[in-house]
């Protein structure tokens, strides 16, 4: 469920170097949200938040938009 801070980069391997945003050079970085399924601990926390209905819409949208391992999101992704 990670993504690059440069929206043009869709793969983690390509999320390197710098890009220009509003006239500023910014380092590209791969960002993984707090709610994720990267390991058992984060999965349990994510499932707990979903079960308690706390912030579930944002997490659900990230899950729907996800494409695969080390791939950025795709809006309304349909496999």
C-alpha atoms as a PDB file:
ATOM      1  CA  UNK A   1       0.000   0.000   0.000  1.00  0.00           C
ATOM      2  CA  UNK A   2       3.045   2.232  -0.327  1.00  0.00           C
ATOM      3  CA  UNK A   3       3.535   4.994  -2.854  1.00  0.00           C
ATOM      4  CA  UNK A   4       6.163   7.405  -4.122  1.00  0.00           C
ATOM      5  CA  UNK A   5       5.889  11.076  -3.205  1.00  0.00           C
ATOM      6  CA  UNK A   6       6.348  11.724  -6.957  1.00  0.00           C
ATOM      7  CA  UNK A   7       2.990  10.611  -8.345  1.00  0.00           C
ATOM      8  CA  UNK A   8       4.513   9.933 -11.796  1.00  0.00           C
ATOM      9  CA  UNK A   9       6.564   7.025 -10.386  1.00  0.00           C
ATOM     10  CA  UNK A  10       4.537   3.836 -10.057  1.00  0.00           C
ATOM     11  CA  UNK A  11       7.244   1.366  -8.985  1.00  0.00           C
ATOM     12  CA  UNK A  12       9.375   1.428  -5.838  1.00  0.00           C
ATOM     13  CA  UNK A  13      12.520   0.724  -7.857  1.00  0.00           C
ATOM     14  CA  UNK A  14      11.937   3.916  -9.903  1.00  0.00           C
ATOM     15  CA  UNK A  15      11.335   6.085  -6.836  1.00  0.00           C
ATOM     16  CA  UNK A  16      14.891   7.450  -6.696  1.00  0.00           C
ATOM     17  CA  UNK A  17      16.590  10.761  -7.313  1.00  0.00           C
ATOM     18  CA  UNK A  18      14.963  14.173  -7.263  1.00  0.00           C
ATOM     19  CA  UNK A  19      11.953  15.772  -8.912  1.00  0.00           C
ATOM     20  CA  UNK A  20      10.643  19.311  -9.203  1.00  0.00           C
ATOM     21  CA  UNK A  21       7.440  20.230  -7.379  1.00  0.00           C
ATOM     22  CA  UNK A  22       6.259  23.845  -7.491  1.00  0.00           C
ATOM     23  CA  UNK A  23       9.746  25.053  -8.405  1.00  0.00           C
ATOM     24  CA  UNK A  24      11.504  23.092  -5.624  1.00  0.00           C
ATOM     25  CA  UNK A  25      13.795  20.082  -6.007  1.00  0.00           C
ATOM     26  CA  UNK A  26      12.553  17.326  -3.732  1.00  0.00           C
ATOM     27  CA  UNK A  27      14.040  13.890  -3.035  1.00  0.00           C
ATOM     28  CA  UNK A  28      11.807  11.018  -4.096  1.00  0.00           C
ATOM     29  CA  UNK A  29      10.885   8.668  -1.259  1.00  0.00           C
ATOM     30  CA  UNK A  30       8.705   5.601  -0.919  1.00  0.00           C
ATOM     31  CA  UNK A  31       6.027   6.222   1.712  1.00  0.00           C
ATOM     32  CA  UNK A  32       4.210   3.385   3.481  1.00  0.00           C
ATOM     33  CA  UNK A  33       1.065   4.454   5.375  1.00  0.00           C
ATOM     34  CA  UNK A  34       0.550   3.601   9.037  1.00  0.00           C
ATOM     35  CA  UNK A  35      -2.183   1.101   8.154  1.00  0.00           C
ATOM     36  CA  UNK A  36      -0.571  -1.620   6.076  1.00  0.00           C
ATOM     37  CA  UNK A  37      -0.162  -5.376   5.790  1.00  0.00           C
ATOM     38  CA  UNK A  38       3.647  -5.524   5.546  1.00  0.00           C
ATOM     39  CA  UNK A  39       4.031  -7.687   8.640  1.00  0.00           C
ATOM     40  CA  UNK A  40       1.889  -9.401  11.288  1.00  0.00           C
ATOM     41  CA  UNK A  41       2.015  -6.536  13.791  1.00  0.00           C
ATOM     42  CA  UNK A  42       0.874  -3.852  11.321  1.00  0.00           C
ATOM     43  CA  UNK A  43      -1.738  -6.242   9.906  1.00  0.00           C
ATOM     44  CA  UNK A  44      -3.238  -6.791  13.368  1.00  0.00           C
ATOM     45  CA  UNK A  45      -3.333  -3.039  14.025  1.00  0.00           C
ATOM     46  CA  UNK A  46      -4.954  -2.434  10.639  1.00  0.00           C
ATOM     47  CA  UNK A  47      -7.548  -5.182  11.193  1.00  0.00           C
ATOM     48  CA  UNK A  48      -8.277  -3.799  14.681  1.00  0.00           C
ATOM     49  CA  UNK A  49      -8.886  -0.319  13.277  1.00  0.00           C
ATOM     50  CA  UNK A  50     -11.127  -1.757  10.558  1.00  0.00           C
ATOM     51  CA  UNK A  51     -13.088  -3.809  13.116  1.00  0.00           C
ATOM     52  CA  UNK A  52     -13.648  -0.756  15.321  1.00  0.00           C
ATOM     53  CA  UNK A  53     -14.721   1.269  12.256  1.00  0.00           C
ATOM     54  CA  UNK A  54     -12.031   3.859  12.980  1.00  0.00           C
ATOM     55  CA  UNK A  55     -10.784   5.386   9.730  1.00  0.00           C
ATOM     56  CA  UNK A  56     -11.923   2.416   7.644  1.00  0.00           C
ATOM     57  CA  UNK A  57     -12.932   4.413   4.515  1.00  0.00           C
ATOM     58  CA  UNK A  58      -9.378   5.700   3.919  1.00  0.00           C
ATOM     59  CA  UNK A  59      -7.875   2.259   4.495  1.00  0.00           C
ATOM     60  CA  UNK A  60     -10.448   0.626   2.216  1.00  0.00           C
ATOM     61  CA  UNK A  61      -9.683   3.089  -0.595  1.00  0.00           C
ATOM     62  CA  UNK A  62      -5.935   2.406  -0.238  1.00  0.00           C
ATOM     63  CA  UNK A  63      -6.598  -1.340  -0.401  1.00  0.00           C
ATOM     64  CA  UNK A  64      -8.759  -0.976  -3.525  1.00  0.00           C
ATOM     65  CA  UNK A  65      -6.152   1.239  -5.218  1.00  0.00           C
ATOM     66  CA  UNK A  66      -3.227  -1.093  -4.439  1.00  0.00           C
ATOM     67  CA  UNK A  67      -1.745  -3.081  -7.328  1.00  0.00           C
ATOM     68  CA  UNK A  68       0.933  -5.361  -5.924  1.00  0.00           C
ATOM     69  CA  UNK A  69       4.199  -5.606  -4.048  1.00  0.00           C
ATOM     70  CA  UNK A  70       6.374  -2.484  -4.485  1.00  0.00           C
ATOM     71  CA  UNK A  71       3.887  -0.964  -6.916  1.00  0.00           C
ATOM     72  CA  UNK A  72       2.195   2.381  -6.445  1.00  0.00           C
ATOM     73  CA  UNK A  73      -1.564   2.807  -6.273  1.00  0.00           C
ATOM     74  CA  UNK A  74      -3.836   3.038  -9.288  1.00  0.00           C
ATOM     75  CA  UNK A  75      -7.101   4.972  -8.844  1.00  0.00           C
ATOM     76  CA  UNK A  76     -10.089   2.591  -8.698  1.00  0.00           C
ATOM     77  CA  UNK A  77      -7.879  -0.368  -9.603  1.00  0.00           C
ATOM     78  CA  UNK A  78      -9.625  -3.320 -11.196  1.00  0.00           C
ATOM     79  CA  UNK A  79      -7.466  -6.392 -11.508  1.00  0.00           C
END
